[in-house]
Amino acid sequence: MMPARTAQVTRHTAETQIDLNLNLDGDGRAILSTGVPFFEHMLDQIARHGLLDIELSAQGDWHIDDHHTVEDCGIVFGQALAKAVGDKRGISRYGHAYVPLDEALSRVVIDLSGRPGLVFSCNFTRATIGRFETQLVEEFFRGFVNHAGVTLHIDNLRGDNAHHQAETIFKAFGRALRMALSPDERQANQIPSTKGSL
């Protein structure tokens, strides 16, 4: 049986003040206050489909735009994941998911490798969803991978509706992360790498 995989991270800068509680073995509950409604809708998808419990509070320089808030939430989420997962002993390490939503389809593949890397391919059909700038989706995941130390490939394979494109990405990410974090009973006491560490 794995020890509790939880983390609490605080990041306060001149641009944002963020507090996050993360439970990797939750039941999909999200308590979110970021000042960016569409972003909260997307974070809720990660929690629900990743079976993570996320409690996130963020104050940002919204009078400028939402960029710093979204990017810094990605940074804090990455830091919390790295802290909560520990030495990665007994996990599956790799995860993948395809998720459709009406006409849209996205694929996400993740490796909890210890090495940051992001390949992001999505040609959003609109520059904004409400007030949310679609380019911030990539910024969130870039902040995440750089601080979680994971390799992440995100491909939106098709889609005409930008909301659907984004939602399939976040749902697929939650599902892929859930798979990667899941226990591998055949190597319960082993780190899943020939190097002996990740």
Protein backbone atom coordinates (compact mmCIF):
# COMPACT_ATOMS: atom_id res chain seq x y z
CA MET A 1 0.00 0.00 0.00
CA MET A 2 1.33 3.42 -0.97
CA PRO A 3 1.80 6.13 1.67
CA ALA A 4 -0.46 9.18 1.49
CA ARG A 5 0.40 11.18 -1.61
CA THR A 6 -0.47 14.74 -0.72
CA ALA A 7 1.23 18.12 -0.98
CA GLN A 8 0.67 21.69 0.07
CA VAL A 9 2.41 24.45 -1.91
CA THR A 10 2.35 28.21 -1.51
CA ARG A 11 3.77 30.65 -4.08
CA HIS A 12 3.53 34.36 -3.41
CA THR A 13 5.13 36.81 -5.84
CA ALA A 14 4.58 40.42 -6.87
CA GLU A 15 2.22 39.13 -9.58
CA THR A 16 0.29 36.29 -7.94
CA GLN A 17 -0.49 34.72 -4.58
CA ILE A 18 -1.31 31.03 -4.92
CA ASP A 19 -2.08 28.34 -2.35
CA LEU A 20 -2.67 24.72 -3.37
CA ASN A 21 -3.57 21.53 -1.53
CA LEU A 22 -3.29 18.41 -3.69
CA ASN A 23 -4.25 14.80 -3.00
CA LEU A 24 -3.25 12.36 -5.72
CA ASP A 25 -5.51 9.64 -4.30
CA GLY A 26 -8.70 11.64 -3.95
CA ASP A 27 -12.14 11.20 -5.41
CA GLY A 28 -12.24 14.06 -7.90
CA ARG A 29 -13.20 17.01 -5.71
CA ALA A 30 -12.15 20.53 -6.67
CA ILE A 31 -12.47 23.71 -4.63
CA LEU A 32 -11.27 26.48 -6.91
CA SER A 33 -10.96 30.25 -6.65
CA THR A 34 -8.72 31.74 -9.33
CA GLY A 35 -10.69 34.68 -10.70
CA VAL A 36 -10.62 33.00 -14.15
CA PRO A 37 -13.93 31.12 -14.59
CA PHE A 38 -13.16 29.12 -17.74
CA PHE A 39 -9.80 28.07 -16.31
CA GLU A 40 -11.58 26.79 -13.20
CA HIS A 41 -13.90 24.77 -15.45
CA MET A 42 -10.81 23.16 -17.00
CA LEU A 43 -9.13 22.48 -13.64
CA ASP A 44 -12.32 20.79 -12.51
CA GLN A 45 -11.94 18.41 -15.47
CA ILE A 46 -8.44 17.45 -14.27
CA ALA A 47 -9.72 16.74 -10.77
CA ARG A 48 -12.78 14.80 -11.90
CA HIS A 49 -11.09 12.67 -14.53
CA GLY A 50 -7.78 12.30 -12.69
CA LEU A 51 -9.48 11.44 -9.39
CA LEU A 52 -7.41 14.15 -7.72
CA ASP A 53 -8.56 16.40 -4.92
CA ILE A 54 -7.54 19.97 -5.71
CA GLU A 55 -8.02 22.94 -3.43
CA LEU A 56 -6.65 26.02 -5.16
CA SER A 57 -6.82 29.69 -4.29
CA ALA A 58 -5.20 32.30 -6.51
CA GLN A 59 -5.05 36.07 -6.49
CA GLY A 60 -3.54 37.55 -9.62
CA ASP A 61 -2.88 40.77 -11.46
CA TRP A 62 -6.14 40.44 -13.38
CA HIS A 63 -6.13 44.16 -14.20
CA ILE A 64 -3.33 43.32 -16.65
CA ASP A 65 -4.62 39.97 -17.94
CA ASP A 66 -4.95 36.33 -16.86
CA HIS A 67 -1.53 35.21 -18.08
CA HIS A 68 0.39 35.30 -14.80
CA THR A 69 -2.43 33.64 -12.86
CA VAL A 70 -2.79 30.72 -15.27
CA GLU A 71 0.95 30.20 -15.77
CA ASP A 72 1.72 30.37 -12.05
CA CYS A 73 -1.08 27.93 -11.25
CA GLY A 74 0.65 25.54 -13.65
CA ILE A 75 3.94 26.08 -11.83
CA VAL A 76 2.38 25.42 -8.42
CA PHE A 77 0.48 22.37 -9.69
CA GLY A 78 3.74 20.97 -11.04
CA GLN A 79 5.56 21.61 -7.78
CA ALA A 80 2.78 19.94 -5.81
CA LEU A 81 2.73 16.89 -8.07
CA ALA A 82 6.50 16.42 -7.77
CA LYS A 83 6.27 16.72 -3.99
CA ALA A 84 3.26 14.41 -3.62
CA VAL A 85 4.49 11.61 -5.88
CA GLY A 86 7.79 11.24 -4.03
CA ASP A 87 10.38 8.84 -5.47
CA LYS A 88 7.74 7.27 -7.76
CA ARG A 89 8.29 3.80 -6.37
CA GLY A 90 5.55 1.40 -7.45
CA ILE A 91 3.76 3.70 -9.93
CA SER A 92 2.92 2.90 -13.53
CA ARG A 93 4.91 5.97 -14.73
CA TYR A 94 3.33 6.18 -18.18
CA GLY A 95 -0.20 7.20 -19.05
CA HIS A 96 -2.23 8.02 -22.12
CA ALA A 97 -5.80 8.90 -23.03
CA TYR A 98 -7.95 9.78 -26.01
CA VAL A 99 -11.00 11.89 -25.17
CA PRO A 100 -13.74 13.02 -27.58
CA LEU A 101 -16.33 15.73 -27.10
CA ASP A 102 -18.74 15.94 -30.01
CA GLU A 103 -16.59 16.88 -33.03
CA ALA A 104 -13.36 17.38 -31.02
CA LEU A 105 -10.81 14.71 -30.15
CA SER A 106 -7.57 15.02 -28.17
CA ARG A 107 -4.76 12.66 -27.21
CA VAL A 108 -2.49 13.13 -24.20
CA VAL A 109 0.54 10.98 -23.37
CA ILE A 110 2.55 11.50 -20.18
CA ASP A 111 5.76 10.10 -18.73
CA LEU A 112 6.61 10.90 -15.10
CA SER A 113 10.22 10.81 -16.22
CA GLY A 114 11.87 13.42 -14.02
CA ARG A 115 12.70 15.36 -17.20
CA PRO A 116 10.60 18.36 -18.26
CA GLY A 117 9.39 18.36 -21.83
CA LEU A 118 6.26 19.57 -23.58
CA VAL A 119 5.05 18.96 -27.11
CA PHE A 120 1.83 20.89 -27.60
CA SER A 121 -0.12 20.73 -30.85
CA CYS A 122 -3.49 22.45 -30.99
CA ASN A 123 -4.69 24.92 -33.59
CA PHE A 124 -7.48 26.56 -31.65
CA THR A 125 -10.27 27.79 -33.91
CA ARG A 126 -10.69 30.93 -31.80
CA ALA A 127 -8.27 33.19 -29.93
CA THR A 128 -10.57 33.48 -26.93
CA ILE A 129 -13.24 31.45 -25.13
CA GLY A 130 -15.25 34.13 -23.41
CA ARG A 131 -12.46 36.28 -21.97
CA PHE A 132 -10.05 33.36 -21.68
CA GLU A 133 -7.16 33.46 -24.17
CA THR A 134 -6.70 30.03 -25.69
CA GLN A 135 -2.89 30.43 -25.85
CA LEU A 136 -2.92 30.23 -22.05
CA VAL A 137 -3.70 26.51 -22.27
CA GLU A 138 -0.15 25.86 -23.49
CA GLU A 139 1.26 28.27 -20.89
CA PHE A 140 -0.43 26.34 -18.08
CA PHE A 141 0.99 23.02 -19.24
CA ARG A 142 4.45 24.51 -19.84
CA GLY A 143 4.56 25.80 -16.28
CA PHE A 144 3.38 22.40 -15.09
CA VAL A 145 5.95 20.25 -16.92
CA ASN A 146 8.86 22.53 -16.04
CA HIS A 147 8.18 22.15 -12.33
CA ALA A 148 6.75 18.62 -12.20
CA GLY A 149 9.59 17.16 -14.24
CA VAL A 150 7.36 15.26 -16.65
CA THR A 151 7.33 14.66 -20.38
CA LEU A 152 3.95 15.57 -21.85
CA HIS A 153 2.64 15.26 -25.40
CA ILE A 154 -0.68 16.96 -26.12
CA ASP A 155 -2.33 16.67 -29.52
CA ASN A 156 -5.74 18.01 -30.44
CA LEU A 157 -6.47 15.73 -33.38
CA ARG A 158 -9.59 17.56 -34.56
CA GLY A 159 -12.16 20.07 -33.46
CA ASP A 160 -14.20 23.03 -34.69
CA ASN A 161 -15.33 24.44 -31.34
CA ALA A 162 -12.53 25.97 -29.23
CA HIS A 163 -14.32 25.16 -25.97
CA HIS A 164 -14.54 21.53 -27.02
CA GLN A 165 -10.88 21.49 -28.08
CA ALA A 166 -9.74 22.79 -24.69
CA GLU A 167 -12.05 20.55 -22.71
CA THR A 168 -10.89 17.38 -24.45
CA ILE A 169 -7.28 18.35 -23.71
CA PHE A 170 -7.88 18.84 -19.99
CA LYS A 171 -10.03 15.72 -19.66
CA ALA A 172 -7.46 13.60 -21.50
CA PHE A 173 -4.69 15.05 -19.34
CA GLY A 174 -6.58 14.08 -16.18
CA ARG A 175 -7.13 10.55 -17.47
CA ALA A 176 -3.52 10.11 -18.61
CA LEU A 177 -2.17 11.43 -15.31
CA ARG A 178 -4.45 9.09 -13.39
CA MET A 179 -3.05 6.13 -15.33
CA ALA A 180 0.56 7.19 -14.81
CA LEU A 181 0.05 7.66 -11.07
CA SER A 182 -1.75 4.35 -10.58
CA PRO A 183 0.05 1.57 -8.67
CA ASP A 184 1.75 -1.20 -10.61
CA GLU A 185 1.33 -4.26 -8.38
CA ARG A 186 4.01 -6.23 -10.24
CA GLN A 187 6.69 -3.73 -9.25
CA ALA A 188 5.25 -2.39 -6.01
CA ASN A 189 8.64 -1.77 -4.39
CA GLN A 190 10.52 -0.77 -7.50
CA ILE A 191 11.18 2.49 -9.27
CA PRO A 192 10.03 2.04 -12.88
CA SER A 193 13.35 2.87 -14.56
CA THR A 194 16.48 0.96 -15.53
CA LYS A 195 18.42 3.85 -13.97
CA GLY A 196 16.96 3.09 -10.54
CA SER A 197 15.68 6.63 -10.09
CA LEU A 198 13.36 9.09 -11.78
